[in-house]
Amino acid sequence: MPNNESNFKEKIDKVFKEYFDLDTEVEKLLTNESENSTKLKTTSNFKDLLNGKLKGVNKKKFKELNKVSDDILSGLQHRDLDKIEEKYLLKGRHLRVMDVVEKKKGLSNNSDFKKRRIKSNDVLLRVKGQIGPAALISEDETDLHYYNDLVRIRVDLDIIIPQYLSLYLNSFIGRHFLNKFSKSKSMNYINIGSVKKVPVLTPMLIDQWKIVREYFNMINIQQIEEV
């Protein structure tokens, strides 16, 4: 992972850890750095165990990803790739934490093939070969297609905001649950049915916005310091 990717994840983790007042041991539990991590991964009520440690936000709860989304859809099959130009296709290798690599931005897709297109504020999650990252789609990537190593998540805006969901899926909490639902054969993967069951910590919308603002303020401060 490039250094900036690691840096972004560290900042996301910092925001979630501080906002929910999670101590270092909880972070270690979820990132498999503790002797007690096996207990948390194997117990049937792992959501309850974590919920008991969360502090600082009222009416917090876990909901399955399917319950906070209007649509969760896997990407194009290999047989469909001859119908579109490669430059209009996003694959897992094009995703970065919260973003898409620069070379895929600013394209105008004139393809007649209408299936599996993305739009602004969709969340794309890598689900094959490597689990994660999650990227928030901007206007620059609207109308691009996406391959089946990605899953597109279109959120229910009455319950969750896409910026928060993409941060959550990249956080140490989200990564823990994604890894818990993943499998391994010739490669690591998480199927669409399991993606839909991933627990999402879903505080009130006002709290979600506070978390999003805190993260982007942190990124903006870093960018100013680097100038």
C-alpha atoms as a PDB file:
ATOM      1  CA  MET A   1       0.000   0.000   0.000  1.00  0.00           C
ATOM      2  CA  PRO A   2       1.434   3.433  -0.892  1.00  0.00           C
ATOM      3  CA  ASN A   3       2.380   5.606   2.082  1.00  0.00           C
ATOM      4  CA  ASN A   4      -0.459   8.055   1.493  1.00  0.00           C
ATOM      5  CA  GLU A   5      -2.946   5.168   1.570  1.00  0.00           C
ATOM      6  CA  SER A   6      -1.657   4.061   4.946  1.00  0.00           C
ATOM      7  CA  ASN A   7      -1.775   7.673   6.079  1.00  0.00           C
ATOM      8  CA  PHE A   8      -5.423   8.042   5.054  1.00  0.00           C
ATOM      9  CA  LYS A   9      -6.386   4.878   6.915  1.00  0.00           C
ATOM     10  CA  GLU A  10      -4.556   6.046  10.020  1.00  0.00           C
ATOM     11  CA  LYS A  11      -6.498   9.303   9.958  1.00  0.00           C
ATOM     12  CA  ILE A  12      -9.827   7.506   9.456  1.00  0.00           C
ATOM     13  CA  ASP A  13      -9.001   5.180  12.353  1.00  0.00           C
ATOM     14  CA  LYS A  14      -8.073   8.161  14.518  1.00  0.00           C
ATOM     15  CA  VAL A  15     -11.398   9.890  13.810  1.00  0.00           C
ATOM     16  CA  PHE A  16     -13.461   6.782  14.653  1.00  0.00           C
ATOM     17  CA  LYS A  17     -11.413   5.952  17.711  1.00  0.00           C
ATOM     18  CA  GLU A  18     -11.724   9.463  19.142  1.00  0.00           C
ATOM     19  CA  TYR A  19     -15.334  10.095  18.175  1.00  0.00           C
ATOM     20  CA  PHE A  20     -16.622   6.866  19.701  1.00  0.00           C
ATOM     21  CA  ASP A  21     -14.139   7.038  22.578  1.00  0.00           C
ATOM     22  CA  LEU A  22     -12.674   3.633  21.807  1.00  0.00           C
ATOM     23  CA  ASP A  23      -9.581   2.704  23.779  1.00  0.00           C
ATOM     24  CA  THR A  24      -6.423   1.207  22.318  1.00  0.00           C
ATOM     25  CA  GLU A  25      -7.363  -2.323  23.392  1.00  0.00           C
ATOM     26  CA  VAL A  26     -10.549  -2.207  21.307  1.00  0.00           C
ATOM     27  CA  GLU A  27      -8.526  -1.185  18.267  1.00  0.00           C
ATOM     28  CA  LYS A  28      -6.137  -4.063  18.924  1.00  0.00           C
ATOM     29  CA  LEU A  29      -9.046  -6.484  19.254  1.00  0.00           C
ATOM     30  CA  LEU A  30     -10.431  -5.468  15.886  1.00  0.00           C
ATOM     31  CA  THR A  31      -7.077  -5.472  14.111  1.00  0.00           C
ATOM     32  CA  ASN A  32      -6.052  -8.892  15.500  1.00  0.00           C
ATOM     33  CA  GLU A  33      -3.185  -7.457  17.539  1.00  0.00           C
ATOM     34  CA  SER A  34      -4.484  -8.735  20.874  1.00  0.00           C
ATOM     35  CA  GLU A  35      -4.464 -12.181  22.495  1.00  0.00           C
ATOM     36  CA  ASN A  36      -8.232 -11.722  22.996  1.00  0.00           C
ATOM     37  CA  SER A  37      -8.969 -11.029  19.324  1.00  0.00           C
ATOM     38  CA  THR A  38      -9.941 -14.669  18.680  1.00  0.00           C
ATOM     39  CA  LYS A  39     -12.801 -14.390  21.171  1.00  0.00           C
ATOM     40  CA  LEU A  40     -14.196 -11.318  19.438  1.00  0.00           C
ATOM     41  CA  LYS A  41     -13.957 -12.917  15.995  1.00  0.00           C
ATOM     42  CA  THR A  42     -15.596 -16.202  16.925  1.00  0.00           C
ATOM     43  CA  THR A  43     -18.398 -15.173  19.284  1.00  0.00           C
ATOM     44  CA  SER A  44     -21.909 -15.071  17.849  1.00  0.00           C
ATOM     45  CA  ASN A  45     -22.659 -11.716  19.480  1.00  0.00           C
ATOM     46  CA  PHE A  46     -19.561  -9.810  18.343  1.00  0.00           C
ATOM     47  CA  LYS A  47     -21.729  -6.782  17.526  1.00  0.00           C
ATOM     48  CA  ASP A  48     -23.002  -6.691  21.094  1.00  0.00           C
ATOM     49  CA  LEU A  49     -19.486  -6.987  22.469  1.00  0.00           C
ATOM     50  CA  LEU A  50     -18.328  -4.014  20.446  1.00  0.00           C
ATOM     51  CA  ASN A  51     -21.509  -2.041  21.082  1.00  0.00           C
ATOM     52  CA  GLY A  52     -20.863  -2.341  24.793  1.00  0.00           C
ATOM     53  CA  LYS A  53     -17.509  -0.634  24.337  1.00  0.00           C
ATOM     54  CA  LEU A  54     -18.745   2.238  22.154  1.00  0.00           C
ATOM     55  CA  LYS A  55     -19.197   5.528  23.945  1.00  0.00           C
ATOM     56  CA  GLY A  56     -20.012   9.139  23.245  1.00  0.00           C
ATOM     57  CA  VAL A  57     -22.933   8.933  20.806  1.00  0.00           C
ATOM     58  CA  ASN A  58     -26.580   8.367  21.674  1.00  0.00           C
ATOM     59  CA  LYS A  59     -28.836   6.074  19.635  1.00  0.00           C
ATOM     60  CA  LYS A  60     -25.906   4.322  17.990  1.00  0.00           C
ATOM     61  CA  LYS A  61     -26.637   0.921  16.532  1.00  0.00           C
ATOM     62  CA  PHE A  62     -25.421  -1.633  14.037  1.00  0.00           C
ATOM     63  CA  LYS A  63     -27.503  -2.280  10.936  1.00  0.00           C
ATOM     64  CA  GLU A  64     -26.780  -4.690   8.124  1.00  0.00           C
ATOM     65  CA  LEU A  65     -25.427  -2.959   5.020  1.00  0.00           C
ATOM     66  CA  ASN A  66     -28.465  -4.120   3.095  1.00  0.00           C
ATOM     67  CA  LYS A  67     -30.687  -2.198   5.546  1.00  0.00           C
ATOM     68  CA  VAL A  68     -28.951   1.140   4.937  1.00  0.00           C
ATOM     69  CA  SER A  69     -28.715   0.806   1.142  1.00  0.00           C
ATOM     70  CA  ASP A  70     -31.152   1.238  -1.720  1.00  0.00           C
ATOM     71  CA  ASP A  71     -29.088  -1.021  -3.959  1.00  0.00           C
ATOM     72  CA  ILE A  72     -26.017  -3.274  -3.707  1.00  0.00           C
ATOM     73  CA  LEU A  73     -24.865  -4.656  -7.033  1.00  0.00           C
ATOM     74  CA  SER A  74     -21.840  -6.646  -8.221  1.00  0.00           C
ATOM     75  CA  GLY A  75     -19.928  -5.610 -11.342  1.00  0.00           C
ATOM     76  CA  LEU A  76     -19.662  -6.703 -14.966  1.00  0.00           C
ATOM     77  CA  GLN A  77     -18.804 -10.270 -15.866  1.00  0.00           C
ATOM     78  CA  HIS A  78     -15.785 -11.021 -18.040  1.00  0.00           C
ATOM     79  CA  ARG A  79     -18.048 -11.922 -20.987  1.00  0.00           C
ATOM     80  CA  ASP A  80     -19.340  -8.337 -21.109  1.00  0.00           C
ATOM     81  CA  LEU A  81     -15.968  -6.649 -21.384  1.00  0.00           C
ATOM     82  CA  ASP A  82     -15.856  -6.769 -25.186  1.00  0.00           C
ATOM     83  CA  LYS A  83     -18.869  -4.434 -25.226  1.00  0.00           C
ATOM     84  CA  ILE A  84     -17.029  -1.473 -23.689  1.00  0.00           C
ATOM     85  CA  GLU A  85     -13.666   0.259 -24.025  1.00  0.00           C
ATOM     86  CA  GLU A  86     -11.120  -0.507 -21.331  1.00  0.00           C
ATOM     87  CA  LYS A  87     -10.721   3.167 -20.426  1.00  0.00           C
ATOM     88  CA  TYR A  88     -14.353   3.285 -19.281  1.00  0.00           C
ATOM     89  CA  LEU A  89     -13.928   0.370 -16.866  1.00  0.00           C
ATOM     90  CA  LEU A  90     -13.038   0.565 -13.187  1.00  0.00           C
ATOM     91  CA  LYS A  91     -11.382  -2.441 -11.572  1.00  0.00           C
ATOM     92  CA  GLY A  92     -10.239  -3.129  -8.049  1.00  0.00           C
ATOM     93  CA  ARG A  93      -6.718  -1.934  -8.836  1.00  0.00           C
ATOM     94  CA  HIS A  94      -8.078   1.512  -9.663  1.00  0.00           C
ATOM     95  CA  LEU A  95      -9.482   2.082  -6.164  1.00  0.00           C
ATOM     96  CA  ARG A  96      -7.772   3.995  -3.416  1.00  0.00           C
ATOM     97  CA  VAL A  97      -8.985   4.817   0.077  1.00  0.00           C
ATOM     98  CA  MET A  98     -11.961   7.143  -0.511  1.00  0.00           C
ATOM     99  CA  ASP A  99     -10.966   7.799  -4.119  1.00  0.00           C
ATOM    100  CA  VAL A 100     -10.186   6.498  -7.629  1.00  0.00           C
ATOM    101  CA  VAL A 101      -6.799   6.801  -9.342  1.00  0.00           C
ATOM    102  CA  GLU A 102      -6.295   9.987 -11.330  1.00  0.00           C
ATOM    103  CA  LYS A 103      -6.108   8.476 -14.795  1.00  0.00           C
ATOM    104  CA  LYS A 104      -9.726   7.315 -14.625  1.00  0.00           C
ATOM    105  CA  LYS A 105     -11.100  10.789 -13.969  1.00  0.00           C
ATOM    106  CA  GLY A 106     -12.626  13.159 -16.503  1.00  0.00           C
ATOM    107  CA  LEU A 107     -13.664  10.584 -19.097  1.00  0.00           C
ATOM    108  CA  SER A 108     -16.923  10.929 -21.017  1.00  0.00           C
ATOM    109  CA  ASN A 109     -18.413   7.486 -21.588  1.00  0.00           C
ATOM    110  CA  ASN A 110     -20.210   7.282 -24.933  1.00  0.00           C
ATOM    111  CA  SER A 111     -20.703   3.521 -24.823  1.00  0.00           C
ATOM    112  CA  ASP A 112     -24.100   2.114 -25.779  1.00  0.00           C
ATOM    113  CA  PHE A 113     -23.740  -0.566 -23.120  1.00  0.00           C
ATOM    114  CA  LYS A 114     -25.934   0.642 -20.240  1.00  0.00           C
ATOM    115  CA  LYS A 115     -25.318  -1.979 -17.551  1.00  0.00           C
ATOM    116  CA  ARG A 116     -23.304  -1.505 -14.367  1.00  0.00           C
ATOM    117  CA  ARG A 117     -22.696   2.232 -14.550  1.00  0.00           C
ATOM    118  CA  ILE A 118     -21.834   4.328 -11.529  1.00  0.00           C
ATOM    119  CA  LYS A 119     -22.895   7.801 -10.499  1.00  0.00           C
ATOM    120  CA  SER A 120     -21.776  10.453  -8.050  1.00  0.00           C
ATOM    121  CA  ASN A 121     -22.009   9.409  -4.372  1.00  0.00           C
ATOM    122  CA  ASP A 122     -22.012   5.689  -5.127  1.00  0.00           C
ATOM    123  CA  VAL A 123     -19.614   3.743  -2.927  1.00  0.00           C
ATOM    124  CA  LEU A 124     -17.427   1.129  -4.623  1.00  0.00           C
ATOM    125  CA  LEU A 125     -15.910  -1.655  -2.531  1.00  0.00           C
ATOM    126  CA  ARG A 126     -13.207  -4.056  -3.681  1.00  0.00           C
ATOM    127  CA  VAL A 127     -14.298  -7.628  -2.887  1.00  0.00           C
ATOM    128  CA  LYS A 128     -11.852  -9.927  -4.714  1.00  0.00           C
ATOM    129  CA  GLY A 129      -8.131 -10.507  -4.384  1.00  0.00           C
ATOM    130  CA  GLN A 130      -7.983  -7.828  -1.757  1.00  0.00           C
ATOM    131  CA  ILE A 131     -10.879  -6.865   0.514  1.00  0.00           C
ATOM    132  CA  GLY A 132     -11.197  -3.090   0.371  1.00  0.00           C
ATOM    133  CA  PRO A 133     -10.574  -0.281   0.004  1.00  0.00           C
ATOM    134  CA  ALA A 134     -13.845   1.573  -0.416  1.00  0.00           C
ATOM    135  CA  ALA A 135     -14.012   4.605  -2.700  1.00  0.00           C
ATOM    136  CA  LEU A 136     -16.537   7.412  -2.883  1.00  0.00           C
ATOM    137  CA  ILE A 137     -17.499   8.153  -6.496  1.00  0.00           C
ATOM    138  CA  SER A 138     -17.433  11.779  -7.639  1.00  0.00           C
ATOM    139  CA  GLU A 139     -18.853  13.525 -10.696  1.00  0.00           C
ATOM    140  CA  ASP A 140     -15.556  12.776 -12.477  1.00  0.00           C
ATOM    141  CA  GLU A 141     -16.291   9.046 -12.526  1.00  0.00           C
ATOM    142  CA  THR A 142     -20.011   9.228 -13.296  1.00  0.00           C
ATOM    143  CA  ASP A 143     -21.134   6.794 -16.037  1.00  0.00           C
ATOM    144  CA  LEU A 144     -18.031   4.622 -15.889  1.00  0.00           C
ATOM    145  CA  HIS A 145     -18.555   0.859 -15.729  1.00  0.00           C
ATOM    146  CA  TYR A 146     -17.159  -1.385 -12.987  1.00  0.00           C
ATOM    147  CA  TYR A 147     -15.829  -4.951 -13.005  1.00  0.00           C
ATOM    148  CA  ASN A 148     -16.965  -7.869 -10.835  1.00  0.00           C
ATOM    149  CA  ASP A 149     -14.094  -7.506  -8.385  1.00  0.00           C
ATOM    150  CA  LEU A 150     -16.072  -4.480  -7.173  1.00  0.00           C
ATOM    151  CA  VAL A 151     -19.471  -4.028  -5.580  1.00  0.00           C
ATOM    152  CA  ARG A 152     -21.469  -0.832  -5.980  1.00  0.00           C
ATOM    153  CA  ILE A 153     -23.378   0.441  -2.953  1.00  0.00           C
ATOM    154  CA  ARG A 154     -26.077   3.076  -3.378  1.00  0.00           C
ATOM    155  CA  VAL A 155     -27.117   4.275   0.066  1.00  0.00           C
ATOM    156  CA  ASP A 156     -30.478   5.146   1.571  1.00  0.00           C
ATOM    157  CA  LEU A 157     -29.940   8.847   2.283  1.00  0.00           C
ATOM    158  CA  ASP A 158     -32.585   8.850   5.000  1.00  0.00           C
ATOM    159  CA  ILE A 159     -30.384   6.516   7.058  1.00  0.00           C
ATOM    160  CA  ILE A 160     -26.772   7.028   6.077  1.00  0.00           C
ATOM    161  CA  ILE A 161     -24.636   9.416   4.058  1.00  0.00           C
ATOM    162  CA  PRO A 162     -22.255   7.980   1.435  1.00  0.00           C
ATOM    163  CA  GLN A 163     -19.246   9.901   2.730  1.00  0.00           C
ATOM    164  CA  TYR A 164     -19.710   8.337   6.150  1.00  0.00           C
ATOM    165  CA  LEU A 165     -20.238   4.824   4.766  1.00  0.00           C
ATOM    166  CA  SER A 166     -17.066   4.983   2.687  1.00  0.00           C
ATOM    167  CA  LEU A 167     -15.107   6.173   5.722  1.00  0.00           C
ATOM    168  CA  TYR A 168     -16.628   3.438   7.867  1.00  0.00           C
ATOM    169  CA  LEU A 169     -15.766   0.650   5.408  1.00  0.00           C
ATOM    170  CA  ASN A 170     -12.156   1.894   5.375  1.00  0.00           C
ATOM    171  CA  SER A 171     -11.964   2.172   9.179  1.00  0.00           C
ATOM    172  CA  PHE A 172     -10.549  -0.513  11.468  1.00  0.00           C
ATOM    173  CA  ILE A 173     -14.126  -1.321  12.534  1.00  0.00           C
ATOM    174  CA  GLY A 174     -15.376  -1.780   8.976  1.00  0.00           C
ATOM    175  CA  ARG A 175     -12.252  -3.694   7.942  1.00  0.00           C
ATOM    176  CA  HIS A 176     -12.765  -6.089  10.849  1.00  0.00           C
ATOM    177  CA  PHE A 177     -16.290  -6.979   9.751  1.00  0.00           C
ATOM    178  CA  LEU A 178     -15.355  -7.230   6.063  1.00  0.00           C
ATOM    179  CA  ASN A 179     -12.549  -9.621   6.931  1.00  0.00           C
ATOM    180  CA  LYS A 180     -14.873 -11.631   9.168  1.00  0.00           C
ATOM    181  CA  PHE A 181     -17.238 -12.243   6.230  1.00  0.00           C
ATOM    182  CA  SER A 182     -14.499 -12.931   3.671  1.00  0.00           C
ATOM    183  CA  LYS A 183     -13.443 -16.362   2.400  1.00  0.00           C
ATOM    184  CA  SER A 184     -10.362 -17.719   0.712  1.00  0.00           C
ATOM    185  CA  LYS A 185      -9.939 -20.231  -2.113  1.00  0.00           C
ATOM    186  CA  SER A 186      -7.554 -19.358  -4.919  1.00  0.00           C
ATOM    187  CA  MET A 187      -7.872 -15.773  -3.635  1.00  0.00           C
ATOM    188  CA  ASN A 188      -9.585 -13.792  -0.907  1.00  0.00           C
ATOM    189  CA  TYR A 189     -13.145 -12.733  -1.664  1.00  0.00           C
ATOM    190  CA  ILE A 190     -16.449 -11.746  -0.137  1.00  0.00           C
ATOM    191  CA  ASN A 191     -19.616 -12.652  -2.024  1.00  0.00           C
ATOM    192  CA  ILE A 192     -22.511 -10.271  -2.610  1.00  0.00           C
ATOM    193  CA  GLY A 193     -24.734 -12.027  -0.080  1.00  0.00           C
ATOM    194  CA  SER A 194     -22.140 -11.583   2.642  1.00  0.00           C
ATOM    195  CA  VAL A 195     -21.506  -7.960   1.676  1.00  0.00           C
ATOM    196  CA  LYS A 196     -25.177  -7.253   2.331  1.00  0.00           C
ATOM    197  CA  LYS A 197     -24.869  -8.670   5.861  1.00  0.00           C
ATOM    198  CA  VAL A 198     -21.841  -6.605   6.911  1.00  0.00           C
ATOM    199  CA  PRO A 199     -22.705  -4.721  10.132  1.00  0.00           C
ATOM    200  CA  VAL A 200     -22.548  -0.945   9.775  1.00  0.00           C
ATOM    201  CA  LEU A 201     -22.285   1.299  12.808  1.00  0.00           C
ATOM    202  CA  THR A 202     -25.059   3.801  12.075  1.00  0.00           C
ATOM    203  CA  PRO A 203     -25.299   6.785  14.424  1.00  0.00           C
ATOM    204  CA  MET A 204     -27.708   9.646  13.787  1.00  0.00           C
ATOM    205  CA  LEU A 205     -27.163  11.611  10.573  1.00  0.00           C
ATOM    206  CA  ILE A 206     -25.894  14.657  12.438  1.00  0.00           C
ATOM    207  CA  ASP A 207     -23.194  12.522  14.052  1.00  0.00           C
ATOM    208  CA  GLN A 208     -22.266  11.006  10.689  1.00  0.00           C
ATOM    209  CA  TRP A 209     -21.725  14.499   9.280  1.00  0.00           C
ATOM    210  CA  LYS A 210     -19.550  15.430  12.267  1.00  0.00           C
ATOM    211  CA  ILE A 211     -17.339  12.410  11.620  1.00  0.00           C
ATOM    212  CA  VAL A 212     -17.065  13.241   7.909  1.00  0.00           C
ATOM    213  CA  ARG A 213     -16.188  16.892   8.642  1.00  0.00           C
ATOM    214  CA  GLU A 214     -13.591  15.878  11.198  1.00  0.00           C
ATOM    215  CA  TYR A 215     -11.857  13.599   8.708  1.00  0.00           C
ATOM    216  CA  PHE A 216     -11.793  16.117   5.859  1.00  0.00           C
ATOM    217  CA  ASN A 217     -10.658  18.898   8.199  1.00  0.00           C
ATOM    218  CA  MET A 218      -7.764  16.654   9.179  1.00  0.00           C
ATOM    219  CA  ILE A 219      -6.899  15.999   5.514  1.00  0.00           C
ATOM    220  CA  ASN A 220      -7.119  19.705   4.648  1.00  0.00           C
ATOM    221  CA  ILE A 221      -4.837  20.639   7.536  1.00  0.00           C
ATOM    222  CA  GLN A 222      -2.299  18.083   6.356  1.00  0.00           C
ATOM    223  CA  GLN A 223      -2.413  19.427   2.797  1.00  0.00           C
ATOM    224  CA  ILE A 224      -1.849  22.987   4.032  1.00  0.00           C
ATOM    225  CA  GLU A 225       1.096  21.866   6.174  1.00  0.00           C
ATOM    226  CA  GLU A 226       2.660  20.111   3.177  1.00  0.00           C
ATOM    227  CA  VAL A 227       2.557  23.220   0.946  1.00  0.00           C
END
